[in-house]
Amino acid sequence: MNAVYLVCVVILTAAAVLTLARVTMGPTMLDRSVALDVLISIVICGLAVEAAWNQHLFTLPTLLVLALLGFTGSVSVAR
């Protein structure tokens, strides 16, 4: 189980670094907005991995709030 956790953390960290690069170098505001939405999704995945690793549900409200925040941000930019 440690290897699976380590692989998940490494993949999510690499994805977050690449997404932050897109946020900083994005040529348009739409690219930056999509990258921030992806970054929120990566944070949600990271918190879910942490909750699965520690076998608790304390982070579930935080996951729901972040999912709502990502959806609201995407819809507001699309509008």
C-alpha atoms as a PDB file:
ATOM      1  CA  MET A   1       0.000   0.000   0.000  1.00  0.00           C
ATOM      2  CA  ASN A   2       2.922   2.316   0.596  1.00  0.00           C
ATOM      3  CA  ALA A   3       4.011   2.004  -3.028  1.00  0.00           C
ATOM      4  CA  VAL A   4       0.540   2.906  -4.306  1.00  0.00           C
ATOM      5  CA  TYR A   5       0.413   5.926  -2.016  1.00  0.00           C
ATOM      6  CA  LEU A   6       3.875   7.038  -3.127  1.00  0.00           C
ATOM      7  CA  VAL A   7       2.985   6.660  -6.824  1.00  0.00           C
ATOM      8  CA  CYS A   8      -0.212   8.682  -6.332  1.00  0.00           C
ATOM      9  CA  VAL A   9       1.644  11.461  -4.532  1.00  0.00           C
ATOM     10  CA  VAL A  10       4.362  11.616  -7.189  1.00  0.00           C
ATOM     11  CA  ILE A  11       1.861  11.727 -10.057  1.00  0.00           C
ATOM     12  CA  LEU A  12      -0.269  14.390  -8.361  1.00  0.00           C
ATOM     13  CA  THR A  13       2.803  16.479  -7.557  1.00  0.00           C
ATOM     14  CA  ALA A  14       4.014  16.312 -11.155  1.00  0.00           C
ATOM     15  CA  ALA A  15       0.547  17.237 -12.399  1.00  0.00           C
ATOM     16  CA  ALA A  16       0.372  20.177  -9.997  1.00  0.00           C
ATOM     17  CA  VAL A  17       3.784  21.480 -11.092  1.00  0.00           C
ATOM     18  CA  LEU A  18       2.852  21.243 -14.765  1.00  0.00           C
ATOM     19  CA  THR A  19      -0.487  22.920 -14.085  1.00  0.00           C
ATOM     20  CA  LEU A  20       1.197  25.772 -12.236  1.00  0.00           C
ATOM     21  CA  ALA A  21       3.463  26.203 -15.244  1.00  0.00           C
ATOM     22  CA  ARG A  22       0.372  26.517 -17.445  1.00  0.00           C
ATOM     23  CA  VAL A  23      -1.112  29.073 -15.050  1.00  0.00           C
ATOM     24  CA  THR A  24       1.993  31.229 -15.214  1.00  0.00           C
ATOM     25  CA  MET A  25       2.724  30.832 -18.941  1.00  0.00           C
ATOM     26  CA  GLY A  26      -0.812  30.602 -20.297  1.00  0.00           C
ATOM     27  CA  PRO A  27      -1.137  32.905 -23.294  1.00  0.00           C
ATOM     28  CA  THR A  28      -4.821  33.693 -22.706  1.00  0.00           C
ATOM     29  CA  MET A  29      -7.047  34.208 -19.712  1.00  0.00           C
ATOM     30  CA  LEU A  30      -9.080  31.152 -20.717  1.00  0.00           C
ATOM     31  CA  ASP A  31      -5.954  28.946 -20.516  1.00  0.00           C
ATOM     32  CA  ARG A  32      -5.243  30.261 -17.035  1.00  0.00           C
ATOM     33  CA  SER A  33      -8.834  29.693 -15.955  1.00  0.00           C
ATOM     34  CA  VAL A  34      -8.857  26.101 -17.191  1.00  0.00           C
ATOM     35  CA  ALA A  35      -5.497  25.489 -15.511  1.00  0.00           C
ATOM     36  CA  LEU A  36      -6.824  26.797 -12.199  1.00  0.00           C
ATOM     37  CA  ASP A  37      -9.843  24.515 -12.538  1.00  0.00           C
ATOM     38  CA  VAL A  38      -7.513  21.575 -13.154  1.00  0.00           C
ATOM     39  CA  LEU A  39      -5.416  22.620 -10.146  1.00  0.00           C
ATOM     40  CA  ILE A  40      -8.511  22.549  -7.941  1.00  0.00           C
ATOM     41  CA  SER A  41      -9.243  19.062  -9.255  1.00  0.00           C
ATOM     42  CA  ILE A  42      -5.697  17.966  -8.426  1.00  0.00           C
ATOM     43  CA  VAL A  43      -6.066  19.317  -4.881  1.00  0.00           C
ATOM     44  CA  ILE A  44      -9.348  17.416  -4.542  1.00  0.00           C
ATOM     45  CA  CYS A  45      -7.624  14.225  -5.687  1.00  0.00           C
ATOM     46  CA  GLY A  46      -4.769  14.814  -3.258  1.00  0.00           C
ATOM     47  CA  LEU A  47      -7.155  15.274  -0.355  1.00  0.00           C
ATOM     48  CA  ALA A  48      -9.047  12.140  -1.387  1.00  0.00           C
ATOM     49  CA  VAL A  49      -5.808  10.133  -1.444  1.00  0.00           C
ATOM     50  CA  GLU A  50      -4.945  11.480   2.000  1.00  0.00           C
ATOM     51  CA  ALA A  51      -8.389  10.563   3.333  1.00  0.00           C
ATOM     52  CA  ALA A  52      -8.099   7.053   1.901  1.00  0.00           C
ATOM     53  CA  TRP A  53      -4.618   6.643   3.345  1.00  0.00           C
ATOM     54  CA  ASN A  54      -5.665   7.719   6.856  1.00  0.00           C
ATOM     55  CA  GLN A  55      -9.086   6.020   6.566  1.00  0.00           C
ATOM     56  CA  HIS A  56     -11.179   8.925   7.790  1.00  0.00           C
ATOM     57  CA  LEU A  57     -13.990  11.079   6.446  1.00  0.00           C
ATOM     58  CA  PHE A  58     -13.053  14.396   8.056  1.00  0.00           C
ATOM     59  CA  THR A  59     -11.984  15.906   4.735  1.00  0.00           C
ATOM     60  CA  LEU A  60     -15.267  15.127   2.962  1.00  0.00           C
ATOM     61  CA  PRO A  61     -16.805  18.590   3.618  1.00  0.00           C
ATOM     62  CA  THR A  62     -13.627  20.207   2.313  1.00  0.00           C
ATOM     63  CA  LEU A  63     -13.795  18.076  -0.827  1.00  0.00           C
ATOM     64  CA  LEU A  64     -17.393  19.125  -1.414  1.00  0.00           C
ATOM     65  CA  VAL A  65     -16.608  22.817  -0.953  1.00  0.00           C
ATOM     66  CA  LEU A  66     -13.658  22.616  -3.337  1.00  0.00           C
ATOM     67  CA  ALA A  67     -15.770  20.819  -5.939  1.00  0.00           C
ATOM     68  CA  LEU A  68     -18.420  23.535  -5.679  1.00  0.00           C
ATOM     69  CA  LEU A  69     -15.758  26.231  -5.895  1.00  0.00           C
ATOM     70  CA  GLY A  70     -14.269  24.685  -9.034  1.00  0.00           C
ATOM     71  CA  PHE A  71     -17.664  24.357 -10.681  1.00  0.00           C
ATOM     72  CA  THR A  72     -18.694  27.911  -9.784  1.00  0.00           C
ATOM     73  CA  GLY A  73     -15.394  29.302 -11.056  1.00  0.00           C
ATOM     74  CA  SER A  74     -15.702  27.484 -14.364  1.00  0.00           C
ATOM     75  CA  VAL A  75     -19.279  28.573 -14.886  1.00  0.00           C
ATOM     76  CA  SER A  76     -18.531  32.194 -14.027  1.00  0.00           C
ATOM     77  CA  VAL A  77     -15.658  32.357 -16.487  1.00  0.00           C
ATOM     78  CA  ALA A  78     -17.748  30.661 -19.190  1.00  0.00           C
ATOM     79  CA  ARG A  79     -20.508  33.188 -18.640  1.00  0.00           C
END
